[in-house]
mmCIF file of all heavy atoms, coordinates in Angstrom:
data_MODEL
# 
_entry.id   MODEL 
# 
loop_
_atom_site.group_PDB 
_atom_site.id 
_atom_site.type_symbol 
_atom_site.label_atom_id 
_atom_site.label_alt_id 
_atom_site.label_comp_id 
_atom_site.label_asym_id 
_atom_site.label_entity_id 
_atom_site.label_seq_id 
_atom_site.pdbx_PDB_ins_code 
_atom_site.Cartn_x 
_atom_site.Cartn_y 
_atom_site.Cartn_z 
_atom_site.occupancy 
_atom_site.B_iso_or_equiv 
_atom_site.pdbx_formal_charge 
_atom_site.auth_seq_id 
_atom_site.auth_comp_id 
_atom_site.auth_asym_id 
_atom_site.auth_atom_id 
_atom_site.pdbx_PDB_model_num 
ATOM 1   N N   . GLU A 1 1  ? 1.637   8.158  -0.870  1.00 0.00 ? 1  GLU A N   1 
ATOM 2   C CA  . GLU A 1 1  ? 0.711   9.200  -0.455  1.00 0.00 ? 1  GLU A CA  1 
ATOM 3   C C   . GLU A 1 1  ? 0.827   10.431 -1.361  1.00 0.00 ? 1  GLU A C   1 
ATOM 4   O O   . GLU A 1 1  ? -0.180  10.978 -1.836  1.00 0.00 ? 1  GLU A O   1 
ATOM 5   C CB  . GLU A 1 1  ? 0.997   9.584  0.997   1.00 0.00 ? 1  GLU A CB  1 
ATOM 6   C CG  . GLU A 1 1  ? 0.145   10.727 1.528   1.00 0.00 ? 1  GLU A CG  1 
ATOM 7   C CD  . GLU A 1 1  ? 0.638   11.234 2.874   1.00 0.00 ? 1  GLU A CD  1 
ATOM 8   O OE1 . GLU A 1 1  ? 1.219   10.426 3.642   1.00 0.00 ? 1  GLU A OE1 1 
ATOM 9   O OE2 . GLU A 1 1  ? 0.470   12.443 3.159   1.00 0.00 ? 1  GLU A OE2 1 
ATOM 10  N N   . ARG A 1 2  ? 2.076   10.872 -1.605  1.00 0.00 ? 2  ARG A N   1 
ATOM 11  C CA  . ARG A 1 2  ? 2.291   12.067 -2.411  1.00 0.00 ? 2  ARG A CA  1 
ATOM 12  C C   . ARG A 1 2  ? 1.957   11.819 -3.889  1.00 0.00 ? 2  ARG A C   1 
ATOM 13  O O   . ARG A 1 2  ? 1.356   12.678 -4.541  1.00 0.00 ? 2  ARG A O   1 
ATOM 14  C CB  . ARG A 1 2  ? 3.741   12.520 -2.264  1.00 0.00 ? 2  ARG A CB  1 
ATOM 15  C CG  . ARG A 1 2  ? 4.073   13.856 -2.899  1.00 0.00 ? 2  ARG A CG  1 
ATOM 16  C CD  . ARG A 1 2  ? 3.266   14.987 -2.299  1.00 0.00 ? 2  ARG A CD  1 
ATOM 17  N NE  . ARG A 1 2  ? 3.632   16.260 -2.923  1.00 0.00 ? 2  ARG A NE  1 
ATOM 18  C CZ  . ARG A 1 2  ? 4.299   17.221 -2.322  1.00 0.00 ? 2  ARG A CZ  1 
ATOM 19  N NH1 . ARG A 1 2  ? 4.688   17.043 -1.064  1.00 0.00 ? 2  ARG A NH1 1 
ATOM 20  N NH2 . ARG A 1 2  ? 4.601   18.335 -2.942  1.00 0.00 ? 2  ARG A NH2 1 
ATOM 21  N N   . MET A 1 3  ? 2.329   10.656 -4.402  1.00 0.00 ? 3  MET A N   1 
ATOM 22  C CA  . MET A 1 3  ? 2.044   10.346 -5.805  1.00 0.00 ? 3  MET A CA  1 
ATOM 23  C C   . MET A 1 3  ? 0.547   10.343 -6.076  1.00 0.00 ? 3  MET A C   1 
ATOM 24  O O   . MET A 1 3  ? 0.071   10.927 -7.058  1.00 0.00 ? 3  MET A O   1 
ATOM 25  C CB  . MET A 1 3  ? 2.648   8.994  -6.175  1.00 0.00 ? 3  MET A CB  1 
ATOM 26  C CG  . MET A 1 3  ? 4.144   8.995  -6.309  1.00 0.00 ? 3  MET A CG  1 
ATOM 27  S SD  . MET A 1 3  ? 4.767   9.819  -7.797  1.00 0.00 ? 3  MET A SD  1 
ATOM 28  C CE  . MET A 1 3  ? 4.400   8.585  -9.054  1.00 0.00 ? 3  MET A CE  1 
ATOM 29  N N   . THR A 1 4  ? -0.230  9.665  -5.236  1.00 0.00 ? 4  THR A N   1 
ATOM 30  C CA  . THR A 1 4  ? -1.666  9.567  -5.468  1.00 0.00 ? 4  THR A CA  1 
ATOM 31  C C   . THR A 1 4  ? -2.363  10.906 -5.264  1.00 0.00 ? 4  THR A C   1 
ATOM 32  O O   . THR A 1 4  ? -3.317  11.229 -5.986  1.00 0.00 ? 4  THR A O   1 
ATOM 33  C CB  . THR A 1 4  ? -2.288  8.491  -4.560  1.00 0.00 ? 4  THR A CB  1 
ATOM 34  O OG1 . THR A 1 4  ? -1.935  8.712  -3.215  1.00 0.00 ? 4  THR A OG1 1 
ATOM 35  C CG2 . THR A 1 4  ? -1.807  7.130  -4.936  1.00 0.00 ? 4  THR A CG2 1 
ATOM 36  N N   . ALA A 1 5  ? -1.892  11.695 -4.284  1.00 0.00 ? 5  ALA A N   1 
ATOM 37  C CA  . ALA A 1 5  ? -2.492  13.010 -4.044  1.00 0.00 ? 5  ALA A CA  1 
ATOM 38  C C   . ALA A 1 5  ? -2.279  13.929 -5.241  1.00 0.00 ? 5  ALA A C   1 
ATOM 39  O O   . ALA A 1 5  ? -3.193  14.637 -5.674  1.00 0.00 ? 5  ALA A O   1 
ATOM 40  C CB  . ALA A 1 5  ? -1.906  13.634 -2.784  1.00 0.00 ? 5  ALA A CB  1 
ATOM 41  N N   . LEU A 1 6  ? -1.054  13.913 -5.787  1.00 0.00 ? 6  LEU A N   1 
ATOM 42  C CA  . LEU A 1 6  ? -0.760  14.768 -6.927  1.00 0.00 ? 6  LEU A CA  1 
ATOM 43  C C   . LEU A 1 6  ? -1.458  14.263 -8.186  1.00 0.00 ? 6  LEU A C   1 
ATOM 44  O O   . LEU A 1 6  ? -1.907  15.060 -9.016  1.00 0.00 ? 6  LEU A O   1 
ATOM 45  C CB  . LEU A 1 6  ? 0.754   14.849 -7.135  1.00 0.00 ? 6  LEU A CB  1 
ATOM 46  C CG  . LEU A 1 6  ? 1.313   16.065 -7.881  1.00 0.00 ? 6  LEU A CG  1 
ATOM 47  C CD1 . LEU A 1 6  ? 0.816   17.368 -7.271  1.00 0.00 ? 6  LEU A CD1 1 
ATOM 48  C CD2 . LEU A 1 6  ? 2.847   16.038 -7.875  1.00 0.00 ? 6  LEU A CD2 1 
ATOM 49  N N   . ASP A 1 7  ? -1.548  12.958 -8.334  1.00 0.00 ? 7  ASP A N   1 
ATOM 50  C CA  . ASP A 1 7  ? -2.298  12.392 -9.458  1.00 0.00 ? 7  ASP A CA  1 
ATOM 51  C C   . ASP A 1 7  ? -3.748  12.868 -9.440  1.00 0.00 ? 7  ASP A C   1 
ATOM 52  O O   . ASP A 1 7  ? -4.329  13.203 -10.484 1.00 0.00 ? 7  ASP A O   1 
ATOM 53  C CB  . ASP A 1 7  ? -2.269  10.863 -9.403  1.00 0.00 ? 7  ASP A CB  1 
ATOM 54  C CG  . ASP A 1 7  ? -1.028  10.270 -10.040 1.00 0.00 ? 7  ASP A CG  1 
ATOM 55  O OD1 . ASP A 1 7  ? -0.225  11.034 -10.627 1.00 0.00 ? 7  ASP A OD1 1 
ATOM 56  O OD2 . ASP A 1 7  ? -0.860  9.036  -9.977  1.00 0.00 ? 7  ASP A OD2 1 
ATOM 57  N N   . LYS A 1 8  ? -4.347  12.882 -8.268  1.00 0.00 ? 8  LYS A N   1 
ATOM 58  C CA  . LYS A 1 8  ? -5.733  13.305 -8.143  1.00 0.00 ? 8  LYS A CA  1 
ATOM 59  C C   . LYS A 1 8  ? -5.899  14.763 -8.558  1.00 0.00 ? 8  LYS A C   1 
ATOM 60  O O   . LYS A 1 8  ? -6.844  15.110 -9.282  1.00 0.00 ? 8  LYS A O   1 
ATOM 61  C CB  . LYS A 1 8  ? -6.217  13.101 -6.703  1.00 0.00 ? 8  LYS A CB  1 
ATOM 62  C CG  . LYS A 1 8  ? -7.698  13.408 -6.499  1.00 0.00 ? 8  LYS A CG  1 
ATOM 63  C CD  . LYS A 1 8  ? -8.127  13.122 -5.069  1.00 0.00 ? 8  LYS A CD  1 
ATOM 64  C CE  . LYS A 1 8  ? -9.608  13.413 -4.871  1.00 0.00 ? 8  LYS A CE  1 
ATOM 65  N NZ  . LYS A 1 8  ? -10.040 13.119 -3.469  1.00 0.00 ? 8  LYS A NZ  1 
ATOM 66  N N   . ILE A 1 9  ? -4.974  15.622 -8.117  1.00 0.00 ? 9  ILE A N   1 
ATOM 67  C CA  . ILE A 1 9  ? -5.031  17.042 -8.454  1.00 0.00 ? 9  ILE A CA  1 
ATOM 68  C C   . ILE A 1 9  ? -4.850  17.254 -9.955  1.00 0.00 ? 9  ILE A C   1 
ATOM 69  O O   . ILE A 1 9  ? -5.534  18.082 -10.569 1.00 0.00 ? 9  ILE A O   1 
ATOM 70  C CB  . ILE A 1 9  ? -3.946  17.817 -7.673  1.00 0.00 ? 9  ILE A CB  1 
ATOM 71  C CG1 . ILE A 1 9  ? -4.274  17.831 -6.176  1.00 0.00 ? 9  ILE A CG1 1 
ATOM 72  C CG2 . ILE A 1 9  ? -3.812  19.242 -8.196  1.00 0.00 ? 9  ILE A CG2 1 
ATOM 73  C CD1 . ILE A 1 9  ? -3.126  18.337 -5.316  1.00 0.00 ? 9  ILE A CD1 1 
ATOM 74  N N   . ARG A 1 10 ? -3.944  16.485 -10.553 1.00 0.00 ? 10 ARG A N   1 
ATOM 75  C CA  . ARG A 1 10 ? -3.601  16.673 -11.962 1.00 0.00 ? 10 ARG A CA  1 
ATOM 76  C C   . ARG A 1 10 ? -4.380  15.773 -12.910 1.00 0.00 ? 10 ARG A C   1 
ATOM 77  O O   . ARG A 1 10 ? -4.138  15.782 -14.116 1.00 0.00 ? 10 ARG A O   1 
ATOM 78  C CB  . ARG A 1 10 ? -2.093  16.457 -12.149 1.00 0.00 ? 10 ARG A CB  1 
ATOM 79  C CG  . ARG A 1 10 ? -1.246  17.459 -11.395 1.00 0.00 ? 10 ARG A CG  1 
ATOM 80  C CD  . ARG A 1 10 ? 0.247   17.223 -11.607 1.00 0.00 ? 10 ARG A CD  1 
ATOM 81  N NE  . ARG A 1 10 ? 1.029   18.269 -10.927 1.00 0.00 ? 10 ARG A NE  1 
ATOM 82  C CZ  . ARG A 1 10 ? 2.357   18.357 -10.965 1.00 0.00 ? 10 ARG A CZ  1 
ATOM 83  N NH1 . ARG A 1 10 ? 3.057   17.465 -11.644 1.00 0.00 ? 10 ARG A NH1 1 
ATOM 84  N NH2 . ARG A 1 10 ? 2.976   19.336 -10.318 1.00 0.00 ? 10 ARG A NH2 1 
ATOM 85  N N   . ASN A 1 11 ? -5.278  14.961 -12.357 1.00 0.00 ? 11 ASN A N   1 
ATOM 86  C CA  . ASN A 1 11 ? -6.080  14.050 -13.169 1.00 0.00 ? 11 ASN A CA  1 
ATOM 87  C C   . ASN A 1 11 ? -5.190  13.120 -13.984 1.00 0.00 ? 11 ASN A C   1 
ATOM 88  O O   . ASN A 1 11 ? -5.372  12.942 -15.197 1.00 0.00 ? 11 ASN A O   1 
ATOM 89  C CB  . ASN A 1 11 ? -7.039  14.825 -14.076 1.00 0.00 ? 11 ASN A CB  1 
ATOM 90  C CG  . ASN A 1 11 ? -8.141  13.947 -14.667 1.00 0.00 ? 11 ASN A CG  1 
ATOM 91  O OD1 . ASN A 1 11 ? -8.553  12.949 -14.054 1.00 0.00 ? 11 ASN A OD1 1 
ATOM 92  N ND2 . ASN A 1 11 ? -8.611  14.308 -15.857 1.00 0.00 ? 11 ASN A ND2 1 
ATOM 93  N N   . GLU A 1 12 ? -4.220  12.513 -13.303 1.00 0.00 ? 12 GLU A N   1 
ATOM 94  C CA  . GLU A 1 12 ? -3.293  11.574 -13.919 1.00 0.00 ? 12 GLU A CA  1 
ATOM 95  C C   . GLU A 1 12 ? -3.272  10.286 -13.110 1.00 0.00 ? 12 GLU A C   1 
ATOM 96  O O   . GLU A 1 12 ? -3.781  10.237 -11.981 1.00 0.00 ? 12 GLU A O   1 
ATOM 97  C CB  . GLU A 1 12 ? -1.880  12.171 -13.994 1.00 0.00 ? 12 GLU A CB  1 
ATOM 98  C CG  . GLU A 1 12 ? -1.780  13.414 -14.880 1.00 0.00 ? 12 GLU A CG  1 
ATOM 99  C CD  . GLU A 1 12 ? -0.424  14.077 -14.797 1.00 0.00 ? 12 GLU A CD  1 
ATOM 100 O OE1 . GLU A 1 12 ? 0.209   14.027 -13.723 1.00 0.00 ? 12 GLU A OE1 1 
ATOM 101 O OE2 . GLU A 1 12 ? 0.000   14.685 -15.800 1.00 0.00 ? 12 GLU A OE2 1 
ATOM 102 N N   . GLN A 1 13 ? -2.660  9.235  -13.676 1.00 0.00 ? 13 GLN A N   1 
ATOM 103 C CA  . GLN A 1 13 ? -2.459  7.980  -12.968 1.00 0.00 ? 13 GLN A CA  1 
ATOM 104 C C   . GLN A 1 13 ? -1.050  7.492  -13.220 1.00 0.00 ? 13 GLN A C   1 
ATOM 105 O O   . GLN A 1 13 ? -0.648  7.276  -14.378 1.00 0.00 ? 13 GLN A O   1 
ATOM 106 C CB  . GLN A 1 13 ? -3.479  6.918  -13.420 1.00 0.00 ? 13 GLN A CB  1 
ATOM 107 C CG  . GLN A 1 13 ? -4.911  7.178  -12.973 1.00 0.00 ? 13 GLN A CG  1 
ATOM 108 C CD  . GLN A 1 13 ? -5.819  6.010  -13.293 1.00 0.00 ? 13 GLN A CD  1 
ATOM 109 O OE1 . GLN A 1 13 ? -5.778  5.447  -14.376 1.00 0.00 ? 13 GLN A OE1 1 
ATOM 110 N NE2 . GLN A 1 13 ? -6.647  5.628  -12.358 1.00 0.00 ? 13 GLN A NE2 1 
ATOM 111 N N   . TRP A 1 14 ? -0.284  7.321  -12.155 1.00 0.00 ? 14 TRP A N   1 
ATOM 112 C CA  . TRP A 1 14 ? 1.108   6.918  -12.310 1.00 0.00 ? 14 TRP A CA  1 
ATOM 113 C C   . TRP A 1 14 ? 1.253   5.603  -13.066 1.00 0.00 ? 14 TRP A C   1 
ATOM 114 O O   . TRP A 1 14 ? 2.246   5.384  -13.775 1.00 0.00 ? 14 TRP A O   1 
ATOM 115 C CB  . TRP A 1 14 ? 1.796   6.833  -10.942 1.00 0.00 ? 14 TRP A CB  1 
ATOM 116 C CG  . TRP A 1 14 ? 1.197   5.837  -9.982  1.00 0.00 ? 14 TRP A CG  1 
ATOM 117 C CD1 . TRP A 1 14 ? 0.273   6.090  -9.007  1.00 0.00 ? 14 TRP A CD1 1 
ATOM 118 C CD2 . TRP A 1 14 ? 1.454   4.426  -9.911  1.00 0.00 ? 14 TRP A CD2 1 
ATOM 119 N NE1 . TRP A 1 14 ? -0.045  4.923  -8.333  1.00 0.00 ? 14 TRP A NE1 1 
ATOM 120 C CE2 . TRP A 1 14 ? 0.673   3.894  -8.867  1.00 0.00 ? 14 TRP A CE2 1 
ATOM 121 C CE3 . TRP A 1 14 ? 2.275   3.561  -10.638 1.00 0.00 ? 14 TRP A CE3 1 
ATOM 122 C CZ2 . TRP A 1 14 ? 0.669   2.539  -8.537  1.00 0.00 ? 14 TRP A CZ2 1 
ATOM 123 C CZ3 . TRP A 1 14 ? 2.296   2.208  -10.309 1.00 0.00 ? 14 TRP A CZ3 1 
ATOM 124 C CH2 . TRP A 1 14 ? 1.504   1.717  -9.267  1.00 0.00 ? 14 TRP A CH2 1 
ATOM 125 N N   . GLN A 1 15 ? 0.251   4.724  -12.956 1.00 0.00 ? 15 GLN A N   1 
ATOM 126 C CA  . GLN A 1 15 ? 0.316   3.421  -13.629 1.00 0.00 ? 15 GLN A CA  1 
ATOM 127 C C   . GLN A 1 15 ? 0.450   3.563  -15.141 1.00 0.00 ? 15 GLN A C   1 
ATOM 128 O O   . GLN A 1 15 ? 1.005   2.684  -15.797 1.00 0.00 ? 15 GLN A O   1 
ATOM 129 C CB  . GLN A 1 15 ? -0.932  2.576  -13.301 1.00 0.00 ? 15 GLN A CB  1 
ATOM 130 C CG  . GLN A 1 15 ? -1.103  2.246  -11.827 1.00 0.00 ? 15 GLN A CG  1 
ATOM 131 C CD  . GLN A 1 15 ? -1.958  3.232  -11.084 1.00 0.00 ? 15 GLN A CD  1 
ATOM 132 O OE1 . GLN A 1 15 ? -2.001  4.417  -11.415 1.00 0.00 ? 15 GLN A OE1 1 
ATOM 133 N NE2 . GLN A 1 15 ? -2.657  2.743  -10.076 1.00 0.00 ? 15 GLN A NE2 1 
ATOM 134 N N   . ASP A 1 16 ? -0.064  4.665  -15.685 1.00 0.00 ? 16 ASP A N   1 
ATOM 135 C CA  . ASP A 1 16 ? -0.016  4.882  -17.132 1.00 0.00 ? 16 ASP A CA  1 
ATOM 136 C C   . ASP A 1 16 ? 1.372   5.290  -17.610 1.00 0.00 ? 16 ASP A C   1 
ATOM 137 O O   . ASP A 1 16 ? 1.675   5.170  -18.803 1.00 0.00 ? 16 ASP A O   1 
ATOM 138 C CB  . ASP A 1 16 ? -1.026  5.955  -17.543 1.00 0.00 ? 16 ASP A CB  1 
ATOM 139 C CG  . ASP A 1 16 ? -2.468  5.559  -17.261 1.00 0.00 ? 16 ASP A CG  1 
ATOM 140 O OD1 . ASP A 1 16 ? -2.736  4.338  -17.194 1.00 0.00 ? 16 ASP A OD1 1 
ATOM 141 O OD2 . ASP A 1 16 ? -3.312  6.461  -17.111 1.00 0.00 ? 16 ASP A OD2 1 
ATOM 142 N N   . PHE A 1 17 ? 2.210   5.787  -16.708 1.00 0.00 ? 17 PHE A N   1 
ATOM 143 C CA  . PHE A 1 17 ? 3.492   6.357  -17.100 1.00 0.00 ? 17 PHE A CA  1 
ATOM 144 C C   . PHE A 1 17 ? 4.704   5.635  -16.494 1.00 0.00 ? 17 PHE A C   1 
ATOM 145 O O   . PHE A 1 17 ? 5.770   5.614  -17.092 1.00 0.00 ? 17 PHE A O   1 
ATOM 146 C CB  . PHE A 1 17 ? 3.543   7.840  -16.699 1.00 0.00 ? 17 PHE A CB  1 
ATOM 147 C CG  . PHE A 1 17 ? 2.415   8.648  -17.262 1.00 0.00 ? 17 PHE A CG  1 
ATOM 148 C CD1 . PHE A 1 17 ? 1.250   8.873  -16.540 1.00 0.00 ? 17 PHE A CD1 1 
ATOM 149 C CD2 . PHE A 1 17 ? 2.502   9.166  -18.542 1.00 0.00 ? 17 PHE A CD2 1 
ATOM 150 C CE1 . PHE A 1 17 ? 0.200   9.612  -17.069 1.00 0.00 ? 17 PHE A CE1 1 
ATOM 151 C CE2 . PHE A 1 17 ? 1.459   9.914  -19.080 1.00 0.00 ? 17 PHE A CE2 1 
ATOM 152 C CZ  . PHE A 1 17 ? 0.305   10.123 -18.346 1.00 0.00 ? 17 PHE A CZ  1 
ATOM 153 N N   . ILE A 1 18 ? 4.526   5.063  -15.305 1.00 0.00 ? 18 ILE A N   1 
ATOM 154 C CA  . ILE A 1 18 ? 5.621   4.375  -14.633 1.00 0.00 ? 18 ILE A CA  1 
ATOM 155 C C   . ILE A 1 18 ? 5.122   2.988  -14.223 1.00 0.00 ? 18 ILE A C   1 
ATOM 156 O O   . ILE A 1 18 ? 4.992   2.666  -13.027 1.00 0.00 ? 18 ILE A O   1 
ATOM 157 C CB  . ILE A 1 18 ? 6.120   5.156  -13.397 1.00 0.00 ? 18 ILE A CB  1 
ATOM 158 C CG1 . ILE A 1 18 ? 6.200   6.656  -13.698 1.00 0.00 ? 18 ILE A CG1 1 
ATOM 159 C CG2 . ILE A 1 18 ? 7.504   4.649  -12.967 1.00 0.00 ? 18 ILE A CG2 1 
ATOM 160 C CD1 . ILE A 1 18 ? 6.597   7.514  -12.521 1.00 0.00 ? 18 ILE A CD1 1 
ATOM 161 N N   . PRO A 1 19 ? 4.792   2.122  -15.190 1.00 0.00 ? 19 PRO A N   1 
ATOM 162 C CA  . PRO A 1 19 ? 4.143   0.843  -14.873 1.00 0.00 ? 19 PRO A CA  1 
ATOM 163 C C   . PRO A 1 19 ? 4.994   -0.083 -14.011 1.00 0.00 ? 19 PRO A C   1 
ATOM 164 O O   . PRO A 1 19 ? 4.444   -0.923 -13.287 1.00 0.00 ? 19 PRO A O   1 
ATOM 165 C CB  . PRO A 1 19 ? 3.870   0.236  -16.255 1.00 0.00 ? 19 PRO A CB  1 
ATOM 166 C CG  . PRO A 1 19 ? 4.831   0.924  -17.191 1.00 0.00 ? 19 PRO A CG  1 
ATOM 167 C CD  . PRO A 1 19 ? 4.974   2.301  -16.653 1.00 0.00 ? 19 PRO A CD  1 
ATOM 168 N N   . GLU A 1 20 ? 6.322   0.052  -14.058 1.00 0.00 ? 20 GLU A N   1 
ATOM 169 C CA  . GLU A 1 20 ? 7.172   -0.837 -13.285 1.00 0.00 ? 20 GLU A CA  1 
ATOM 170 C C   . GLU A 1 20 ? 7.001   -0.668 -11.769 1.00 0.00 ? 20 GLU A C   1 
ATOM 171 O O   . GLU A 1 20 ? 7.349   -1.550 -10.988 1.00 0.00 ? 20 GLU A O   1 
ATOM 172 C CB  . GLU A 1 20 ? 8.652   -0.650 -13.654 1.00 0.00 ? 20 GLU A CB  1 
ATOM 173 C CG  . GLU A 1 20 ? 9.267   0.705  -13.280 1.00 0.00 ? 20 GLU A CG  1 
ATOM 174 C CD  . GLU A 1 20 ? 9.127   1.754  -14.364 1.00 0.00 ? 20 GLU A CD  1 
ATOM 175 O OE1 . GLU A 1 20 ? 8.237   1.604  -15.220 1.00 0.00 ? 20 GLU A OE1 1 
ATOM 176 O OE2 . GLU A 1 20 ? 9.902   2.736  -14.351 1.00 0.00 ? 20 GLU A OE2 1 
ATOM 177 N N   . LEU A 1 21 ? 6.433   0.469  -11.347 1.00 0.00 ? 21 LEU A N   1 
ATOM 178 C CA  . LEU A 1 21 ? 6.234   0.697  -9.920  1.00 0.00 ? 21 LEU A CA  1 
ATOM 179 C C   . LEU A 1 21 ? 5.128   -0.179 -9.332  1.00 0.00 ? 21 LEU A C   1 
ATOM 180 O O   . LEU A 1 21 ? 4.993   -0.281 -8.113  1.00 0.00 ? 21 LEU A O   1 
ATOM 181 C CB  . LEU A 1 21 ? 5.924   2.172  -9.644  1.00 0.00 ? 21 LEU A CB  1 
ATOM 182 C CG  . LEU A 1 21 ? 7.061   3.163  -9.887  1.00 0.00 ? 21 LEU A CG  1 
ATOM 183 C CD1 . LEU A 1 21 ? 6.633   4.578  -9.505  1.00 0.00 ? 21 LEU A CD1 1 
ATOM 184 C CD2 . LEU A 1 21 ? 8.299   2.774  -9.096  1.00 0.00 ? 21 LEU A CD2 1 
ATOM 185 N N   . LYS A 1 22 ? 4.346   -0.835 -10.200 1.00 0.00 ? 22 LYS A N   1 
ATOM 186 C CA  . LYS A 1 22 ? 3.332   -1.765 -9.698  1.00 0.00 ? 22 LYS A CA  1 
ATOM 187 C C   . LYS A 1 22 ? 3.987   -2.866 -8.871  1.00 0.00 ? 22 LYS A C   1 
ATOM 188 O O   . LYS A 1 22 ? 3.353   -3.445 -7.984  1.00 0.00 ? 22 LYS A O   1 
ATOM 189 C CB  . LYS A 1 22 ? 2.555   -2.367 -10.866 1.00 0.00 ? 22 LYS A CB  1 
ATOM 190 C CG  . LYS A 1 22 ? 1.702   -1.365 -11.647 1.00 0.00 ? 22 LYS A CG  1 
ATOM 191 C CD  . LYS A 1 22 ? 1.048   -2.020 -12.851 1.00 0.00 ? 22 LYS A CD  1 
ATOM 192 C CE  . LYS A 1 22 ? 0.276   -0.992 -13.686 1.00 0.00 ? 22 LYS A CE  1 
ATOM 193 N NZ  . LYS A 1 22 ? -0.318  -1.597 -14.913 1.00 0.00 ? 22 LYS A NZ  1 
ATOM 194 N N   . ASP A 1 23 ? 5.265   -3.148 -9.170  1.00 0.00 ? 23 ASP A N   1 
ATOM 195 C CA  . ASP A 1 23 ? 5.985   -4.214 -8.463  1.00 0.00 ? 23 ASP A CA  1 
ATOM 196 C C   . ASP A 1 23 ? 6.220   -3.894 -6.995  1.00 0.00 ? 23 ASP A C   1 
ATOM 197 O O   . ASP A 1 23 ? 6.455   -4.799 -6.199  1.00 0.00 ? 23 ASP A O   1 
ATOM 198 C CB  . ASP A 1 23 ? 7.339   -4.485 -9.138  1.00 0.00 ? 23 ASP A CB  1 
ATOM 199 C CG  . ASP A 1 23 ? 7.195   -5.107 -10.518 1.00 0.00 ? 23 ASP A CG  1 
ATOM 200 O OD1 . ASP A 1 23 ? 6.085   -5.586 -10.838 1.00 0.00 ? 23 ASP A OD1 1 
ATOM 201 O OD2 . ASP A 1 23 ? 8.183   -5.114 -11.271 1.00 0.00 ? 23 ASP A OD2 1 
ATOM 202 N N   . ILE A 1 24 ? 6.211   -2.605 -6.636  1.00 0.00 ? 24 ILE A N   1 
ATOM 203 C CA  . ILE A 1 24 ? 6.487   -2.252 -5.244  1.00 0.00 ? 24 ILE A CA  1 
ATOM 204 C C   . ILE A 1 24 ? 5.268   -1.643 -4.549  1.00 0.00 ? 24 ILE A C   1 
ATOM 205 O O   . ILE A 1 24 ? 5.379   -1.112 -3.458  1.00 0.00 ? 24 ILE A O   1 
ATOM 206 C CB  . ILE A 1 24 ? 7.688   -1.302 -5.120  1.00 0.00 ? 24 ILE A CB  1 
ATOM 207 C CG1 . ILE A 1 24 ? 7.449   0.018  -5.870  1.00 0.00 ? 24 ILE A CG1 1 
ATOM 208 C CG2 . ILE A 1 24 ? 8.950   -1.972 -5.612  1.00 0.00 ? 24 ILE A CG2 1 
ATOM 209 C CD1 . ILE A 1 24 ? 8.567   1.051  -5.622  1.00 0.00 ? 24 ILE A CD1 1 
# 
């Protein structure tokens, strides 16, 4: 919840920087 909310505010996507988290 917090990661996606902050990504939206900052116009970022965690998948681009921490791809290993796709596993969880």
